[in-house]
């Protein structure tokens, strides 16, 4: 057995060299994963912000639609005004003609 073979069997220099290579590969993978993860996180935040903004806009749109419909149903139209005037006129007795009342003699 040679000195190099003995060291390889004990694992001291060869194992440290192997660990160094694994660390280098691991570091490269983590850095490349970070390079991919950063844009993914940014896109995730952008999608979240867009969804939140859409929900806020939907709330405002629904409130303004409700207010507009309420205003449309709540305001009177000219047809409603004419109909109410006719109902009110039909319910009141017509006053007596002053000229005809004065012209008739009292018994």
C-alpha atoms as a PDB file:
ATOM      1  CA  UNK A   1       0.000   0.000   0.000  1.00  0.00           C
ATOM      2  CA  UNK A   2       1.371   3.390  -0.887  1.00  0.00           C
ATOM      3  CA  UNK A   3       1.009   6.562   1.081  1.00  0.00           C
ATOM      4  CA  UNK A   4      -1.498   7.974  -1.405  1.00  0.00           C
ATOM      5  CA  UNK A   5      -3.621   4.861  -1.267  1.00  0.00           C
ATOM      6  CA  UNK A   6      -3.601   4.866   2.523  1.00  0.00           C
ATOM      7  CA  UNK A   7      -4.726   8.466   2.620  1.00  0.00           C
ATOM      8  CA  UNK A   8      -7.476   7.744   0.121  1.00  0.00           C
ATOM      9  CA  UNK A   9      -8.697   4.814   2.184  1.00  0.00           C
ATOM     10  CA  UNK A  10      -8.779   6.848   5.387  1.00  0.00           C
ATOM     11  CA  UNK A  11     -10.719   9.502   3.566  1.00  0.00           C
ATOM     12  CA  UNK A  12      -8.903  12.504   4.911  1.00  0.00           C
ATOM     13  CA  UNK A  13      -7.563  14.334   1.828  1.00  0.00           C
ATOM     14  CA  UNK A  14      -9.928  12.731  -0.669  1.00  0.00           C
ATOM     15  CA  UNK A  15     -12.975  13.320   1.511  1.00  0.00           C
ATOM     16  CA  UNK A  16     -12.102  16.951   2.076  1.00  0.00           C
ATOM     17  CA  UNK A  17     -11.593  17.429  -1.644  1.00  0.00           C
ATOM     18  CA  UNK A  18     -14.928  15.749  -2.338  1.00  0.00           C
ATOM     19  CA  UNK A  19     -16.691  17.934   0.237  1.00  0.00           C
ATOM     20  CA  UNK A  20     -15.139  21.012  -1.307  1.00  0.00           C
ATOM     21  CA  UNK A  21     -16.525  20.040  -4.689  1.00  0.00           C
ATOM     22  CA  UNK A  22     -19.951  19.357  -3.225  1.00  0.00           C
ATOM     23  CA  UNK A  23     -19.938  22.724  -1.494  1.00  0.00           C
ATOM     24  CA  UNK A  24     -18.990  24.438  -4.719  1.00  0.00           C
ATOM     25  CA  UNK A  25     -21.801  22.692  -6.593  1.00  0.00           C
ATOM     26  CA  UNK A  26     -24.228  23.449  -3.774  1.00  0.00           C
ATOM     27  CA  UNK A  27     -23.237  27.114  -3.759  1.00  0.00           C
ATOM     28  CA  UNK A  28     -23.687  27.341  -7.509  1.00  0.00           C
ATOM     29  CA  UNK A  29     -27.107  25.744  -7.266  1.00  0.00           C
ATOM     30  CA  UNK A  30     -28.247  28.008  -4.450  1.00  0.00           C
ATOM     31  CA  UNK A  31     -27.049  31.110  -6.280  1.00  0.00           C
ATOM     32  CA  UNK A  32     -28.775  30.029  -9.464  1.00  0.00           C
ATOM     33  CA  UNK A  33     -31.916  29.251  -7.476  1.00  0.00           C
ATOM     34  CA  UNK A  34     -31.758  32.683  -5.883  1.00  0.00           C
ATOM     35  CA  UNK A  35     -31.476  34.178  -9.332  1.00  0.00           C
ATOM     36  CA  UNK A  36     -34.692  32.420 -10.303  1.00  0.00           C
ATOM     37  CA  UNK A  37     -36.443  32.945  -6.973  1.00  0.00           C
ATOM     38  CA  UNK A  38     -36.042  36.725  -6.921  1.00  0.00           C
ATOM     39  CA  UNK A  39     -38.021  37.376 -10.127  1.00  0.00           C
ATOM     40  CA  UNK A  40     -40.560  34.764  -9.043  1.00  0.00           C
ATOM     41  CA  UNK A  41     -41.080  36.586  -5.753  1.00  0.00           C
ATOM     42  CA  UNK A  42     -41.426  39.898  -7.566  1.00  0.00           C
ATOM     43  CA  UNK A  43     -43.966  38.428  -9.977  1.00  0.00           C
ATOM     44  CA  UNK A  44     -45.835  36.893  -7.066  1.00  0.00           C
ATOM     45  CA  UNK A  45     -46.024  40.266  -5.331  1.00  0.00           C
ATOM     46  CA  UNK A  46     -47.106  41.941  -8.561  1.00  0.00           C
ATOM     47  CA  UNK A  47     -49.900  39.399  -9.025  1.00  0.00           C
ATOM     48  CA  UNK A  48     -50.988  39.856  -5.414  1.00  0.00           C
ATOM     49  CA  UNK A  49     -51.046  43.633  -5.797  1.00  0.00           C
ATOM     50  CA  UNK A  50     -53.025  43.368  -9.035  1.00  0.00           C
ATOM     51  CA  UNK A  51     -55.578  41.079  -7.413  1.00  0.00           C
ATOM     52  CA  UNK A  52     -55.914  43.380  -4.420  1.00  0.00           C
ATOM     53  CA  UNK A  53     -56.323  46.407  -6.680  1.00  0.00           C
ATOM     54  CA  UNK A  54     -59.001  44.634  -8.718  1.00  0.00           C
ATOM     55  CA  UNK A  55     -60.935  43.735  -5.571  1.00  0.00           C
ATOM     56  CA  UNK A  56     -60.776  47.338  -4.368  1.00  0.00           C
ATOM     57  CA  UNK A  57     -61.982  48.584  -7.756  1.00  0.00           C
ATOM     58  CA  UNK A  58     -64.844  46.069  -7.787  1.00  0.00           C
ATOM     59  CA  UNK A  59     -65.989  47.381  -4.404  1.00  0.00           C
ATOM     60  CA  UNK A  60     -65.964  50.975  -5.640  1.00  0.00           C
ATOM     61  CA  UNK A  61     -67.728  50.001  -8.882  1.00  0.00           C
ATOM     62  CA  UNK A  62     -70.452  48.166  -7.004  1.00  0.00           C
ATOM     63  CA  UNK A  63     -70.987  51.078  -4.617  1.00  0.00           C
ATOM     64  CA  UNK A  64     -71.224  53.610  -7.448  1.00  0.00           C
ATOM     65  CA  UNK A  65     -73.612  51.355  -9.394  1.00  0.00           C
ATOM     66  CA  UNK A  66     -75.827  50.945  -6.343  1.00  0.00           C
ATOM     67  CA  UNK A  67     -75.831  54.681  -5.762  1.00  0.00           C
ATOM     68  CA  UNK A  68     -76.654  55.379  -9.412  1.00  0.00           C
ATOM     69  CA  UNK A  69     -79.539  52.903  -9.457  1.00  0.00           C
ATOM     70  CA  UNK A  70     -80.902  54.345  -6.213  1.00  0.00           C
ATOM     71  CA  UNK A  71     -80.713  57.825  -7.673  1.00  0.00           C
ATOM     72  CA  UNK A  72     -82.478  56.678 -10.833  1.00  0.00           C
ATOM     73  CA  UNK A  73     -85.315  55.020  -8.952  1.00  0.00           C
ATOM     74  CA  UNK A  74     -85.519  57.746  -6.329  1.00  0.00           C
ATOM     75  CA  UNK A  75     -85.898  60.738  -8.625  1.00  0.00           C
ATOM     76  CA  UNK A  76     -89.352  61.603  -9.891  1.00  0.00           C
ATOM     77  CA  UNK A  77     -90.075  61.761 -13.581  1.00  0.00           C
ATOM     78  CA  UNK A  78     -92.433  64.101 -15.376  1.00  0.00           C
ATOM     79  CA  UNK A  79     -94.933  61.255 -15.841  1.00  0.00           C
ATOM     80  CA  UNK A  80     -94.919  60.638 -12.098  1.00  0.00           C
ATOM     81  CA  UNK A  81     -95.493  64.324 -11.426  1.00  0.00           C
ATOM     82  CA  UNK A  82     -98.477  64.454 -13.821  1.00  0.00           C
ATOM     83  CA  UNK A  83     -99.967  61.305 -12.303  1.00  0.00           C
ATOM     84  CA  UNK A  84     -99.637  62.625  -8.752  1.00  0.00           C
ATOM     85  CA  UNK A  85    -101.191  65.952  -9.773  1.00  0.00           C
ATOM     86  CA  UNK A  86    -104.184  64.131 -11.295  1.00  0.00           C
ATOM     87  CA  UNK A  87    -104.652  62.037  -8.158  1.00  0.00           C
ATOM     88  CA  UNK A  88    -104.509  65.092  -5.932  1.00  0.00           C
ATOM     89  CA  UNK A  89    -106.904  67.027  -8.187  1.00  0.00           C
ATOM     90  CA  UNK A  90    -109.423  64.169  -8.214  1.00  0.00           C
ATOM     91  CA  UNK A  91    -109.502  63.981  -4.439  1.00  0.00           C
ATOM     92  CA  UNK A  92    -110.316  67.654  -3.876  1.00  0.00           C
ATOM     93  CA  UNK A  93    -113.762  69.158  -4.295  1.00  0.00           C
ATOM     94  CA  UNK A  94    -113.958  71.989  -6.742  1.00  0.00           C
ATOM     95  CA  UNK A  95    -114.719  75.301  -5.078  1.00  0.00           C
ATOM     96  CA  UNK A  96    -118.050  76.922  -5.873  1.00  0.00           C
ATOM     97  CA  UNK A  97    -118.081  79.664  -8.431  1.00  0.00           C
ATOM     98  CA  UNK A  98    -118.163  82.988  -6.581  1.00  0.00           C
ATOM     99  CA  UNK A  99    -120.063  84.790  -9.300  1.00  0.00           C
ATOM    100  CA  UNK A 100    -122.833  82.233  -9.471  1.00  0.00           C
ATOM    101  CA  UNK A 101    -123.226  82.194  -5.671  1.00  0.00           C
ATOM    102  CA  UNK A 102    -123.593  85.960  -5.486  1.00  0.00           C
ATOM    103  CA  UNK A 103    -126.005  86.128  -8.409  1.00  0.00           C
ATOM    104  CA  UNK A 104    -128.552  83.822  -6.787  1.00  0.00           C
ATOM    105  CA  UNK A 105    -130.859  85.543  -4.338  1.00  0.00           C
ATOM    106  CA  UNK A 106    -131.222  84.041  -0.890  1.00  0.00           C
ATOM    107  CA  UNK A 107    -134.643  82.947   0.185  1.00  0.00           C
END
